[in-house]
PDB file of N, CA and C in Angstrom:
ATOM      1  N   UNK A   1      76.688 -93.823 107.375  1.00  0.00           N
ATOM      2  CA  UNK A   1      75.148 -94.185 106.258  1.00  0.00           C
ATOM      3  C   UNK A   1      75.772 -92.910 105.194  1.00  0.00           C
ATOM      4  N   UNK A   2      75.098 -92.393 104.705  1.00  0.00           N
ATOM      5  CA  UNK A   2      75.881 -91.063 103.334  1.00  0.00           C
ATOM      6  C   UNK A   2      74.200 -90.667 102.863  1.00  0.00           C
ATOM      7  N   UNK A   3      75.298 -89.481 102.132  1.00  0.00           N
ATOM      8  CA  UNK A   3      73.388 -88.580 102.090  1.00  0.00           C
ATOM      9  C   UNK A   3      74.237 -88.001 100.474  1.00  0.00           C
ATOM     10  N   UNK A   4      73.285 -88.420  99.749  1.00  0.00           N
ATOM     11  CA  UNK A   4      73.035 -87.979  98.568  1.00  0.00           C
ATOM     12  C   UNK A   4      72.959 -86.025  98.458  1.00  0.00           C
ATOM     13  N   UNK A   5      73.432 -85.602  97.836  1.00  0.00           N
ATOM     14  CA  UNK A   5      73.209 -83.876  97.674  1.00  0.00           C
ATOM     15  C   UNK A   5      73.219 -83.254  96.347  1.00  0.00           C
ATOM     16  N   UNK A   6      72.375 -82.714  96.542  1.00  0.00           N
ATOM     17  CA  UNK A   6      72.527 -81.468  94.890  1.00  0.00           C
ATOM     18  C   UNK A   6      72.494 -80.339  95.171  1.00  0.00           C
ATOM     19  N   UNK A   7      73.225 -79.342  94.617  1.00  0.00           N
ATOM     20  CA  UNK A   7      73.274 -78.399  95.268  1.00  0.00           C
ATOM     21  C   UNK A   7      73.579 -77.071  94.373  1.00  0.00           C
ATOM     22  N   UNK A   8      72.830 -75.889  94.362  1.00  0.00           N
ATOM     23  CA  UNK A   8      73.372 -74.983  92.682  1.00  0.00           C
ATOM     24  C   UNK A   8      74.182 -74.365  93.168  1.00  0.00           C
ATOM     25  N   UNK A   9      75.460 -74.297  92.373  1.00  0.00           N
ATOM     26  CA  UNK A   9      76.583 -73.666  93.096  1.00  0.00           C
ATOM     27  C   UNK A   9      76.880 -72.236  93.116  1.00  0.00           C
ATOM     28  N   UNK A  10      75.745 -70.904  93.070  1.00  0.00           N
ATOM     29  CA  UNK A  10      75.716 -69.371  93.456  1.00  0.00           C
ATOM     30  C   UNK A  10      74.460 -69.607  94.213  1.00  0.00           C
ATOM     31  N   UNK A  11      74.466 -70.937  94.911  1.00  0.00           N
ATOM     32  CA  UNK A  11      73.457 -70.458  96.149  1.00  0.00           C
ATOM     33  C   UNK A  11      74.012 -71.728  97.898  1.00  0.00           C
ATOM     34  N   UNK A  12      73.496 -70.919  98.375  1.00  0.00           N
ATOM     35  CA  UNK A  12      73.917 -71.134  99.998  1.00  0.00           C
ATOM     36  C   UNK A  12      72.904 -72.495  99.763  1.00  0.00           C
ATOM     37  N   UNK A  13      73.628 -74.071 101.256  1.00  0.00           N
ATOM     38  CA  UNK A  13      71.970 -74.394 100.957  1.00  0.00           C
ATOM     39  C   UNK A  13      72.229 -76.223  99.393  1.00  0.00           C
ATOM     40  N   UNK A  14      71.646 -76.803 100.640  1.00  0.00           N
ATOM     41  CA  UNK A  14      71.510 -77.866  99.175  1.00  0.00           C
ATOM     42  C   UNK A  14      70.716 -78.573  99.574  1.00  0.00           C
ATOM     43  N   UNK A  15      70.090 -79.343  98.971  1.00  0.00           N
ATOM     44  CA  UNK A  15      68.305 -80.353  99.332  1.00  0.00           C
ATOM     45  C   UNK A  15      69.640 -82.374  98.918  1.00  0.00           C
ATOM     46  N   UNK A  16      68.270 -83.237 100.691  1.00  0.00           N
ATOM     47  CA  UNK A  16      69.817 -84.234 100.642  1.00  0.00           C
ATOM     48  C   UNK A  16      68.640 -85.283 100.493  1.00  0.00           C
ATOM     49  N   UNK A  17      69.353 -86.718 100.529  1.00  0.00           N
ATOM     50  CA  UNK A  17      68.720 -87.954 100.784  1.00  0.00           C
ATOM     51  C   UNK A  17      69.572 -88.817 101.271  1.00  0.00           C
ATOM     52  N   UNK A  18      69.315 -89.208 103.030  1.00  0.00           N
ATOM     53  CA  UNK A  18      70.063 -90.723 103.240  1.00  0.00           C
ATOM     54  C   UNK A  18      70.000 -91.531 102.510  1.00  0.00           C
ATOM     55  N   UNK A  19      71.089 -92.220 102.749  1.00  0.00           N
ATOM     56  CA  UNK A  19      71.075 -93.874 102.648  1.00  0.00           C
ATOM     57  C   UNK A  19      72.086 -94.401 102.864  1.00  0.00           C
ATOM     58  N   UNK A  20      72.262 -96.015 102.828  1.00  0.00           N
ATOM     59  CA  UNK A  20      73.881 -96.555 102.705  1.00  0.00           C
ATOM     60  C   UNK A  20      74.412 -96.447 101.515  1.00  0.00           C
ATOM     61  N   UNK A  21      75.466 -96.534 102.496  1.00  0.00           N
ATOM     62  CA  UNK A  21      76.191 -96.698 101.421  1.00  0.00           C
ATOM     63  C   UNK A  21      77.151 -97.979 100.405  1.00  0.00           C
ATOM     64  N   UNK A  22      76.835 -97.496  99.200  1.00  0.00           N
ATOM     65  CA  UNK A  22      77.684 -98.811  98.751  1.00  0.00           C
ATOM     66  C   UNK A  22      77.876 -98.097  96.638  1.00  0.00           C
ATOM     67  N   UNK A  23      77.577 -99.028  96.205  1.00  0.00           N
ATOM     68  CA  UNK A  23      77.699 -99.364  94.882  1.00  0.00           C
ATOM     69  C   UNK A  23      76.494 -98.335  94.433  1.00  0.00           C
ATOM     70  N   UNK A  24      75.083 -99.344  94.629  1.00  0.00           N
ATOM     71  CA  UNK A  24      73.169 -98.198  94.348  1.00  0.00           C
ATOM     72  C   UNK A  24      74.147 -96.953  94.693  1.00  0.00           C
ATOM     73  N   UNK A  25      74.411 -96.355  95.500  1.00  0.00           N
ATOM     74  CA  UNK A  25      74.868 -94.676  95.802  1.00  0.00           C
ATOM     75  C   UNK A  25      75.401 -93.928  95.275  1.00  0.00           C
ATOM     76  N   UNK A  26      76.245 -94.797  94.728  1.00  0.00           N
ATOM     77  CA  UNK A  26      77.849 -94.619  93.373  1.00  0.00           C
ATOM     78  C   UNK A  26      76.648 -93.969  92.225  1.00  0.00           C
ATOM     79  N   UNK A  27      76.019 -95.189  91.837  1.00  0.00           N
ATOM     80  CA  UNK A  27      75.731 -95.566  90.309  1.00  0.00           C
ATOM     81  C   UNK A  27      74.093 -93.892  90.303  1.00  0.00           C
ATOM     82  N   UNK A  28      73.965 -93.943  92.075  1.00  0.00           N
ATOM     83  CA  UNK A  28      72.591 -92.574  91.219  1.00  0.00           C
ATOM     84  C   UNK A  28      73.168 -91.367  91.344  1.00  0.00           C
ATOM     85  N   UNK A  29      74.184 -91.648  92.276  1.00  0.00           N
ATOM     86  CA  UNK A  29      74.918 -89.809  91.888  1.00  0.00           C
ATOM     87  C   UNK A  29      75.654 -90.083  90.628  1.00  0.00           C
ATOM     88  N   UNK A  30      76.667 -90.812  89.742  1.00  0.00           N
ATOM     89  CA  UNK A  30      77.145 -90.817  88.603  1.00  0.00           C
ATOM     90  C   UNK A  30      75.610 -89.896  87.760  1.00  0.00           C
ATOM     91  N   UNK A  31      74.594 -91.408  87.499  1.00  0.00           N
ATOM     92  CA  UNK A  31      72.775 -90.564  86.834  1.00  0.00           C
ATOM     93  C   UNK A  31      72.891 -89.522  87.165  1.00  0.00           C
ATOM     94  N   UNK A  32      72.323 -88.761  88.044  1.00  0.00           N
ATOM     95  CA  UNK A  32      72.338 -87.701  88.290  1.00  0.00           C
ATOM     96  C   UNK A  32      73.104 -86.475  87.829  1.00  0.00           C
ATOM     97  N   UNK A  33      73.463 -86.586  88.402  1.00  0.00           N
ATOM     98  CA  UNK A  33      75.028 -85.682  87.246  1.00  0.00           C
ATOM     99  C   UNK A  33      74.945 -85.738  85.984  1.00  0.00           C
ATOM    100  N   UNK A  34      74.989 -86.588  85.151  1.00  0.00           N
ATOM    101  CA  UNK A  34      75.645 -87.070  83.860  1.00  0.00           C
ATOM    102  C   UNK A  34      74.278 -86.079  83.747  1.00  0.00           C
ATOM    103  N   UNK A  35      72.576 -85.808  84.064  1.00  0.00           N
ATOM    104  CA  UNK A  35      71.331 -85.893  83.302  1.00  0.00           C
ATOM    105  C   UNK A  35      71.439 -84.201  83.852  1.00  0.00           C
ATOM    106  N   UNK A  36      72.037 -83.248  84.872  1.00  0.00           N
ATOM    107  CA  UNK A  36      72.459 -81.697  85.318  1.00  0.00           C
ATOM    108  C   UNK A  36      73.960 -81.218  84.760  1.00  0.00           C
ATOM    109  N   UNK A  37      74.595 -82.414  84.123  1.00  0.00           N
ATOM    110  CA  UNK A  37      75.662 -81.359  83.729  1.00  0.00           C
ATOM    111  C   UNK A  37      75.767 -80.201  83.127  1.00  0.00           C
ATOM    112  N   UNK A  38      75.650 -79.406  83.618  1.00  0.00           N
ATOM    113  CA  UNK A  38      76.118 -77.636  82.262  1.00  0.00           C
ATOM    114  C   UNK A  38      74.461 -77.460  82.445  1.00  0.00           C
ATOM    115  N   UNK A  39      74.866 -77.591  84.360  1.00  0.00           N
ATOM    116  CA  UNK A  39      73.141 -76.598  85.002  1.00  0.00           C
ATOM    117  C   UNK A  39      73.462 -76.290  85.892  1.00  0.00           C
ATOM    118  N   UNK A  40      75.211 -75.964  86.473  1.00  0.00           N
ATOM    119  CA  UNK A  40      74.856 -75.018  87.820  1.00  0.00           C
ATOM    120  C   UNK A  40      74.491 -76.239  88.924  1.00  0.00           C
ATOM    121  N   UNK A  41      74.113 -76.854  88.336  1.00  0.00           N
ATOM    122  CA  UNK A  41      73.862 -78.584  89.819  1.00  0.00           C
ATOM    123  C   UNK A  41      74.667 -79.007  89.721  1.00  0.00           C
ATOM    124  N   UNK A  42      75.439 -79.048  91.265  1.00  0.00           N
ATOM    125  CA  UNK A  42      76.847 -79.945  91.738  1.00  0.00           C
ATOM    126  C   UNK A  42      75.864 -81.340  92.747  1.00  0.00           C
ATOM    127  N   UNK A  43      76.269 -81.741  92.859  1.00  0.00           N
ATOM    128  CA  UNK A  43      75.828 -83.423  92.334  1.00  0.00           C
ATOM    129  C   UNK A  43      76.500 -84.469  93.454  1.00  0.00           C
ATOM    130  N   UNK A  44      76.783 -84.923  94.512  1.00  0.00           N
ATOM    131  CA  UNK A  44      78.027 -85.475  95.436  1.00  0.00           C
ATOM    132  C   UNK A  44      77.548 -86.432  96.313  1.00  0.00           C
ATOM    133  N   UNK A  45      77.903 -87.021  96.630  1.00  0.00           N
ATOM    134  CA  UNK A  45      77.853 -88.182  97.885  1.00  0.00           C
ATOM    135  C   UNK A  45      79.147 -87.521  99.878  1.00  0.00           C
ATOM    136  N   UNK A  46      78.316 -87.095 100.274  1.00  0.00           N
ATOM    137  CA  UNK A  46      78.845 -87.037 101.598  1.00  0.00           C
ATOM    138  C   UNK A  46      78.548 -88.082 102.736  1.00  0.00           C
ATOM    139  N   UNK A  47      80.059 -88.502 102.783  1.00  0.00           N
ATOM    140  CA  UNK A  47      80.151 -89.879 104.135  1.00  0.00           C
ATOM    141  C   UNK A  47      80.557 -89.034 105.795  1.00  0.00           C
ATOM    142  N   UNK A  48      80.963 -88.239 105.395  1.00  0.00           N
ATOM    143  CA  UNK A  48      81.042 -87.610 106.767  1.00  0.00           C
ATOM    144  C   UNK A  48      79.917 -86.984 107.233  1.00  0.00           C
ATOM    145  N   UNK A  49      79.461 -86.948 108.299  1.00  0.00           N
ATOM    146  CA  UNK A  49      78.543 -86.583 108.703  1.00  0.00           C
ATOM    147  C   UNK A  49      79.172 -84.516 109.374  1.00  0.00           C
ATOM    148  N   UNK A  50      80.739 -84.614 109.490  1.00  0.00           N
ATOM    149  CA  UNK A  50      81.478 -83.025 109.857  1.00  0.00           C
ATOM    150  C   UNK A  50      81.164 -81.761 108.711  1.00  0.00           C
ATOM    151  N   UNK A  51      81.381 -83.348 107.295  1.00  0.00           N
ATOM    152  CA  UNK A  51      80.959 -82.765 106.169  1.00  0.00           C
ATOM    153  C   UNK A  51      79.893 -81.883 105.438  1.00  0.00           C
ATOM    154  N   UNK A  52      78.956 -82.895 105.643  1.00  0.00           N
ATOM    155  CA  UNK A  52      77.753 -82.370 105.322  1.00  0.00           C
ATOM    156  C   UNK A  52      77.611 -80.473 106.337  1.00  0.00           C
ATOM    157  N   UNK A  53      77.720 -80.956 107.208  1.00  0.00           N
ATOM    158  CA  UNK A  53      77.368 -78.398 107.717  1.00  0.00           C
ATOM    159  C   UNK A  53      78.034 -78.118 106.586  1.00  0.00           C
ATOM    160  N   UNK A  54      78.763 -78.571 106.106  1.00  0.00           N
ATOM    161  CA  UNK A  54      79.577 -76.977 105.105  1.00  0.00           C
ATOM    162  C   UNK A  54      78.465 -76.890 104.259  1.00  0.00           C
ATOM    163  N   UNK A  55      77.437 -78.141 103.937  1.00  0.00           N
ATOM    164  CA  UNK A  55      76.573 -77.395 102.553  1.00  0.00           C
ATOM    165  C   UNK A  55      75.098 -76.656 103.521  1.00  0.00           C
ATOM    166  N   UNK A  56      75.504 -76.844 104.525  1.00  0.00           N
ATOM    167  CA  UNK A  56      73.865 -75.685 105.507  1.00  0.00           C
ATOM    168  C   UNK A  56      73.418 -74.375 105.359  1.00  0.00           C
ATOM    169  N   UNK A  57      72.203 -74.425 104.868  1.00  0.00           N
ATOM    170  CA  UNK A  57      71.330 -75.062 105.165  1.00  0.00           C
ATOM    171  C   UNK A  57      70.765 -76.523 104.080  1.00  0.00           C
ATOM    172  N   UNK A  58      70.187 -77.525 105.491  1.00  0.00           N
ATOM    173  CA  UNK A  58      69.431 -78.186 104.339  1.00  0.00           C
ATOM    174  C   UNK A  58      68.217 -78.879 104.208  1.00  0.00           C
ATOM    175  N   UNK A  59      68.211 -79.396 103.369  1.00  0.00           N
ATOM    176  CA  UNK A  59      66.674 -79.826 103.324  1.00  0.00           C
ATOM    177  C   UNK A  59      67.099 -81.382 102.920  1.00  0.00           C
ATOM    178  N   UNK A  60      66.617 -82.375 103.781  1.00  0.00           N
ATOM    179  CA  UNK A  60      66.722 -83.449 104.116  1.00  0.00           C
ATOM    180  C   UNK A  60      65.563 -84.832 103.264  1.00  0.00           C
ATOM    181  N   UNK A  61      65.159 -85.140 101.674  1.00  0.00           N
ATOM    182  CA  UNK A  61      64.140 -85.981 102.069  1.00  0.00           C
ATOM    183  C   UNK A  61      63.863 -87.157 102.187  1.00  0.00           C
ATOM    184  N   UNK A  62      62.850 -87.922 102.713  1.00  0.00           N
ATOM    185  CA  UNK A  62      62.578 -89.337 103.007  1.00  0.00           C
ATOM    186  C   UNK A  62      62.405 -89.784 101.458  1.00  0.00           C
ATOM    187  N   UNK A  63      61.593 -89.188 100.404  1.00  0.00           N
ATOM    188  CA  UNK A  63      61.605 -90.096  99.343  1.00  0.00           C
ATOM    189  C   UNK A  63      62.265 -89.777  98.204  1.00  0.00           C
ATOM    190  N   UNK A  64      62.984 -91.069  97.258  1.00  0.00           N
ATOM    191  CA  UNK A  64      64.066 -90.891  96.324  1.00  0.00           C
ATOM    192  C   UNK A  64      62.975 -90.125  94.911  1.00  0.00           C
ATOM    193  N   UNK A  65      62.668 -90.592  95.193  1.00  0.00           N
ATOM    194  CA  UNK A  65      60.616 -89.936  93.538  1.00  0.00           C
ATOM    195  C   UNK A  65      61.043 -88.610  93.942  1.00  0.00           C
ATOM    196  N   UNK A  66      60.891 -87.673  95.428  1.00  0.00           N
ATOM    197  CA  UNK A  66      60.515 -86.391  95.246  1.00  0.00           C
ATOM    198  C   UNK A  66      61.498 -86.199  95.394  1.00  0.00           C
ATOM    199  N   UNK A  67      63.360 -86.595  95.806  1.00  0.00           N
ATOM    200  CA  UNK A  67      64.384 -85.826  95.879  1.00  0.00           C
ATOM    201  C   UNK A  67      65.193 -85.522  94.070  1.00  0.00           C
ATOM    202  N   UNK A  68      64.843 -86.905  93.482  1.00  0.00           N
ATOM    203  CA  UNK A  68      65.294 -87.038  92.458  1.00  0.00           C
ATOM    204  C   UNK A  68      64.068 -85.801  91.104  1.00  0.00           C
ATOM    205  N   UNK A  69      62.844 -85.212  92.032  1.00  0.00           N
ATOM    206  CA  UNK A  69      62.274 -84.295  91.384  1.00  0.00           C
ATOM    207  C   UNK A  69      63.102 -83.344  91.344  1.00  0.00           C
ATOM    208  N   UNK A  70      63.166 -82.795  92.699  1.00  0.00           N
ATOM    209  CA  UNK A  70      64.090 -81.980  93.196  1.00  0.00           C
ATOM    210  C   UNK A  70      64.977 -81.193  92.086  1.00  0.00           C
ATOM    211  N   UNK A  71      65.916 -82.321  92.277  1.00  0.00           N
ATOM    212  CA  UNK A  71      66.981 -81.723  90.976  1.00  0.00           C
ATOM    213  C   UNK A  71      67.187 -81.874  90.093  1.00  0.00           C
ATOM    214  N   UNK A  72      65.781 -82.326  90.308  1.00  0.00           N
ATOM    215  CA  UNK A  72      65.606 -81.718  88.277  1.00  0.00           C
ATOM    216  C   UNK A  72      65.480 -80.544  88.097  1.00  0.00           C
ATOM    217  N   UNK A  73      64.697 -80.559  88.933  1.00  0.00           N
ATOM    218  CA  UNK A  73      63.956 -78.418  89.166  1.00  0.00           C
ATOM    219  C   UNK A  73      65.118 -78.098  88.968  1.00  0.00           C
ATOM    220  N   UNK A  74      65.845 -78.808  89.871  1.00  0.00           N
ATOM    221  CA  UNK A  74      66.954 -77.305  90.618  1.00  0.00           C
ATOM    222  C   UNK A  74      67.765 -76.753  88.799  1.00  0.00           C
ATOM    223  N   UNK A  75      67.846 -78.367  88.046  1.00  0.00           N
ATOM    224  CA  UNK A  75      69.048 -77.576  87.454  1.00  0.00           C
ATOM    225  C   UNK A  75      67.798 -77.025  85.476  1.00  0.00           C
ATOM    226  N   UNK A  76      66.270 -76.876  86.323  1.00  0.00           N
ATOM    227  CA  UNK A  76      65.634 -75.989  85.554  1.00  0.00           C
ATOM    228  C   UNK A  76      65.126 -77.116  84.527  1.00  0.00           C
ATOM    229  N   UNK A  77      64.835 -78.256  84.456  1.00  0.00           N
ATOM    230  CA  UNK A  77      64.101 -79.052  83.616  1.00  0.00           C
ATOM    231  C   UNK A  77      62.704 -79.329  83.099  1.00  0.00           C
TER     232      UNK A  77
END
């Protein structure tokens, strides 16, 4: 299991969605990173739950569309 996360560099916490590790997750991360470049939003994949704690507090989304919408909102699209 892995988490696709997004956060603003200057603020604590992150938003995340739990996903299966693999090529599809890497592609989603690349696509989001390209869409949010130069906006102050960091997009990462975290594979280890202990590393995920670094990004607390977390808001975890169940719905991919809602997560992507929120990431774009963080980037102030």
